[in-house]
N, C-alpha and C. Protein backbone atom coordinates (compact mmCIF):
# COMPACT_ATOMS: atom_id res chain seq x y z
N MET A 1 81.75 92.90 93.18
CA MET A 1 82.81 93.88 92.86
C MET A 1 83.38 94.37 94.16
N VAL A 2 84.61 94.67 94.22
CA VAL A 2 85.30 95.09 95.40
C VAL A 2 85.13 96.63 95.56
N GLN A 3 84.67 97.10 96.69
CA GLN A 3 84.60 98.52 96.99
C GLN A 3 85.88 99.20 97.06
N ALA A 4 85.96 100.44 96.66
CA ALA A 4 87.23 101.25 96.80
C ALA A 4 87.49 101.52 98.25
N PRO A 5 88.53 101.02 98.88
CA PRO A 5 88.77 101.25 100.33
C PRO A 5 89.57 102.54 100.49
N GLY A 6 89.76 102.93 101.76
CA GLY A 6 90.44 104.15 102.01
C GLY A 6 91.91 104.06 102.02
N ASN A 7 92.61 102.98 102.14
CA ASN A 7 93.96 102.80 102.15
C ASN A 7 94.50 101.57 101.39
N PHE A 8 95.74 101.47 101.18
CA PHE A 8 96.24 100.44 100.35
C PHE A 8 96.13 99.05 101.02
N LYS A 9 96.37 98.90 102.35
CA LYS A 9 96.17 97.65 102.97
C LYS A 9 94.76 97.12 102.87
N GLU A 10 93.71 98.02 103.03
CA GLU A 10 92.39 97.58 102.87
C GLU A 10 92.15 97.12 101.43
N PHE A 11 92.71 97.87 100.44
CA PHE A 11 92.60 97.46 99.02
C PHE A 11 93.21 96.06 98.81
N PHE A 12 94.41 95.96 99.28
CA PHE A 12 95.13 94.70 99.09
C PHE A 12 94.33 93.50 99.77
N ASP A 13 93.91 93.68 100.96
CA ASP A 13 93.21 92.60 101.69
C ASP A 13 91.88 92.27 100.91
N ALA A 14 91.17 93.28 100.45
CA ALA A 14 89.96 93.00 99.68
C ALA A 14 90.28 92.30 98.34
N TYR A 15 91.30 92.77 97.73
CA TYR A 15 91.70 92.17 96.42
C TYR A 15 92.10 90.67 96.58
N VAL A 16 92.90 90.39 97.67
CA VAL A 16 93.35 89.02 97.90
C VAL A 16 92.17 88.15 98.29
N LEU A 17 91.22 88.64 99.06
CA LEU A 17 90.05 87.89 99.40
C LEU A 17 89.25 87.53 98.19
N GLU A 18 89.12 88.53 97.32
CA GLU A 18 88.29 88.24 96.16
C GLU A 18 89.06 87.24 95.24
N GLU A 19 90.36 87.29 95.14
CA GLU A 19 91.14 86.31 94.33
C GLU A 19 90.97 84.95 94.92
N TRP A 20 91.02 84.89 96.28
CA TRP A 20 90.79 83.52 96.84
C TRP A 20 89.34 82.95 96.59
N ALA A 21 88.37 83.89 96.68
CA ALA A 21 87.01 83.49 96.40
C ALA A 21 86.82 82.99 95.00
N VAL A 22 87.40 83.66 94.06
CA VAL A 22 87.35 83.21 92.60
C VAL A 22 88.05 81.83 92.49
N SER A 23 89.21 81.75 93.13
CA SER A 23 89.93 80.38 93.13
C SER A 23 89.05 79.34 93.78
N ALA A 24 88.45 79.64 94.86
CA ALA A 24 87.56 78.63 95.53
C ALA A 24 86.36 78.22 94.65
N ALA A 25 85.73 79.19 93.94
CA ALA A 25 84.66 78.85 93.08
C ALA A 25 85.12 78.01 91.89
N GLY A 26 86.25 78.29 91.41
CA GLY A 26 86.79 77.47 90.31
C GLY A 26 87.19 76.17 90.80
N SER A 27 87.77 76.00 92.00
CA SER A 27 88.08 74.71 92.54
C SER A 27 86.84 73.88 92.70
N SER A 28 85.81 74.52 93.27
CA SER A 28 84.56 73.82 93.56
C SER A 28 83.91 73.22 92.16
N ARG A 29 83.98 74.09 91.13
CA ARG A 29 83.47 73.68 89.85
C ARG A 29 84.34 72.52 89.28
N ASN A 30 85.67 72.70 89.39
CA ASN A 30 86.55 71.60 88.85
C ASN A 30 86.46 70.32 89.62
N LEU A 31 86.10 70.40 90.85
CA LEU A 31 85.88 69.14 91.63
C LEU A 31 84.55 68.51 91.35
N GLY A 32 83.72 69.17 90.56
CA GLY A 32 82.37 68.65 90.22
C GLY A 32 81.26 69.00 91.18
N TYR A 33 81.46 69.92 92.10
CA TYR A 33 80.43 70.19 93.04
C TYR A 33 79.41 71.16 92.38
N GLU A 34 78.18 70.82 92.55
CA GLU A 34 77.14 71.71 91.85
C GLU A 34 76.58 72.82 92.76
N HIS A 35 76.92 72.81 94.00
CA HIS A 35 76.36 73.85 94.93
C HIS A 35 77.19 75.09 94.91
N THR A 36 76.62 76.12 95.35
CA THR A 36 77.35 77.35 95.59
C THR A 36 78.29 77.22 96.88
N LEU A 37 79.26 77.92 97.03
CA LEU A 37 80.28 77.86 98.13
C LEU A 37 79.54 77.80 99.47
N PRO A 38 78.58 78.69 99.79
CA PRO A 38 77.91 78.65 101.10
C PRO A 38 77.14 77.34 101.33
N ALA A 39 76.74 76.67 100.29
CA ALA A 39 75.86 75.45 100.39
C ALA A 39 76.69 74.17 100.36
N LEU A 40 77.98 74.21 100.16
CA LEU A 40 78.74 72.99 100.22
C LEU A 40 78.73 72.42 101.57
N SER A 41 78.84 71.04 101.57
CA SER A 41 78.97 70.31 102.81
C SER A 41 80.31 70.64 103.44
N PRO A 42 80.51 70.46 104.74
CA PRO A 42 81.78 70.68 105.33
C PRO A 42 82.90 69.86 104.68
N GLU A 43 82.60 68.65 104.27
CA GLU A 43 83.64 67.80 103.66
C GLU A 43 84.08 68.36 102.33
N HIS A 44 83.13 68.87 101.47
CA HIS A 44 83.42 69.40 100.21
C HIS A 44 84.09 70.75 100.38
N TRP A 45 83.78 71.55 101.40
CA TRP A 45 84.44 72.80 101.66
C TRP A 45 85.90 72.50 101.95
N GLN A 46 86.21 71.50 102.75
CA GLN A 46 87.53 71.20 103.07
C GLN A 46 88.36 70.87 101.78
N MET A 47 87.73 70.13 100.88
CA MET A 47 88.34 69.79 99.66
C MET A 47 88.68 71.07 98.86
N VAL A 48 87.73 72.03 98.81
CA VAL A 48 87.94 73.31 98.12
C VAL A 48 89.11 74.06 98.74
N LEU A 49 89.16 74.13 100.13
CA LEU A 49 90.17 74.75 100.81
C LEU A 49 91.58 74.16 100.48
N THR A 50 91.62 72.86 100.39
CA THR A 50 92.84 72.12 100.05
C THR A 50 93.27 72.55 98.64
N SER A 51 92.33 72.65 97.72
CA SER A 51 92.66 73.05 96.38
C SER A 51 93.21 74.47 96.27
N VAL A 52 92.53 75.38 97.02
CA VAL A 52 92.98 76.80 97.09
C VAL A 52 94.37 76.91 97.60
N THR A 53 94.64 76.13 98.67
CA THR A 53 95.98 76.14 99.31
C THR A 53 96.98 75.69 98.26
N ALA A 54 96.66 74.58 97.52
CA ALA A 54 97.61 74.15 96.49
C ALA A 54 97.86 75.23 95.46
N ARG A 55 96.82 75.95 95.08
CA ARG A 55 96.95 77.07 94.06
C ARG A 55 97.87 78.14 94.58
N MET A 56 97.70 78.49 95.83
CA MET A 56 98.51 79.46 96.48
C MET A 56 99.96 78.99 96.41
N GLN A 57 100.21 77.78 96.79
CA GLN A 57 101.58 77.26 96.86
C GLN A 57 102.21 77.22 95.46
N MET A 58 101.41 76.90 94.43
CA MET A 58 101.94 76.93 93.09
C MET A 58 102.40 78.34 92.67
N ARG A 59 101.68 79.30 93.22
CA ARG A 59 102.08 80.74 92.85
C ARG A 59 103.15 81.28 93.78
N GLY A 60 103.57 80.55 94.76
CA GLY A 60 104.60 80.94 95.72
C GLY A 60 104.06 81.84 96.78
N THR A 61 102.79 81.69 97.05
CA THR A 61 102.13 82.52 98.15
C THR A 61 102.04 81.71 99.36
N LEU A 62 102.39 82.28 100.51
CA LEU A 62 102.23 81.60 101.78
C LEU A 62 100.87 82.14 102.31
N PRO A 63 99.95 81.19 102.68
CA PRO A 63 98.66 81.57 103.31
C PRO A 63 98.90 82.35 104.68
N SER A 64 98.23 83.46 104.75
CA SER A 64 98.38 84.16 106.05
C SER A 64 97.51 83.58 107.13
N PRO A 65 97.87 83.82 108.39
CA PRO A 65 97.05 83.30 109.45
C PRO A 65 95.59 83.78 109.41
N GLY A 66 94.65 82.90 109.62
CA GLY A 66 93.22 83.31 109.51
C GLY A 66 92.61 83.38 108.16
N TRP A 67 93.33 82.99 107.11
CA TRP A 67 92.82 83.09 105.77
C TRP A 67 91.60 82.27 105.55
N LYS A 68 91.58 81.11 106.11
CA LYS A 68 90.39 80.21 105.88
C LYS A 68 89.11 80.83 106.48
N THR A 69 89.27 81.38 107.66
CA THR A 69 88.11 82.06 108.35
C THR A 69 87.63 83.25 107.46
N ALA A 70 88.65 84.05 107.02
CA ALA A 70 88.35 85.21 106.23
C ALA A 70 87.63 84.85 104.94
N LEU A 71 88.16 83.79 104.28
CA LEU A 71 87.52 83.38 103.01
C LEU A 71 86.16 82.89 103.26
N ALA A 72 85.96 82.11 104.31
CA ALA A 72 84.61 81.51 104.57
C ALA A 72 83.60 82.66 104.78
N GLN A 73 84.00 83.69 105.60
CA GLN A 73 83.14 84.81 105.84
C GLN A 73 82.87 85.59 104.53
N HIS A 74 83.87 85.73 103.69
CA HIS A 74 83.73 86.46 102.42
C HIS A 74 82.81 85.80 101.49
N VAL A 75 82.76 84.54 101.43
CA VAL A 75 81.83 83.78 100.53
C VAL A 75 80.46 83.46 101.14
N GLY A 76 80.30 83.81 102.42
CA GLY A 76 79.03 83.59 103.04
C GLY A 76 78.90 82.31 103.84
N ARG A 77 79.96 81.68 104.16
CA ARG A 77 79.96 80.45 104.94
C ARG A 77 80.17 80.87 106.45
N PRO A 78 79.63 79.98 107.32
CA PRO A 78 79.90 80.22 108.70
C PRO A 78 81.40 79.97 108.98
N ALA A 79 82.03 80.87 109.77
CA ALA A 79 83.48 80.75 110.15
C ALA A 79 83.50 79.82 111.33
N ASN A 80 84.23 78.71 111.20
CA ASN A 80 84.39 77.78 112.30
C ASN A 80 85.56 78.09 113.15
């Protein structure tokens, strides 16, 4: 669950990160990966990121700089 932040930007950033995390988990499941996001191999993680990127583009969203690192940290993966 997302904690209530002190300002709108913090709220928005936390909301977007959580939305990306849910999208990543769904993508992982749809791709047939049985591991949790932190346990995925680097190759499978890249496939999940590609799927999340496609979902963003279908919604008309442009990924912000650093979003892959932020998402990795949010779901418990090492940020490369």
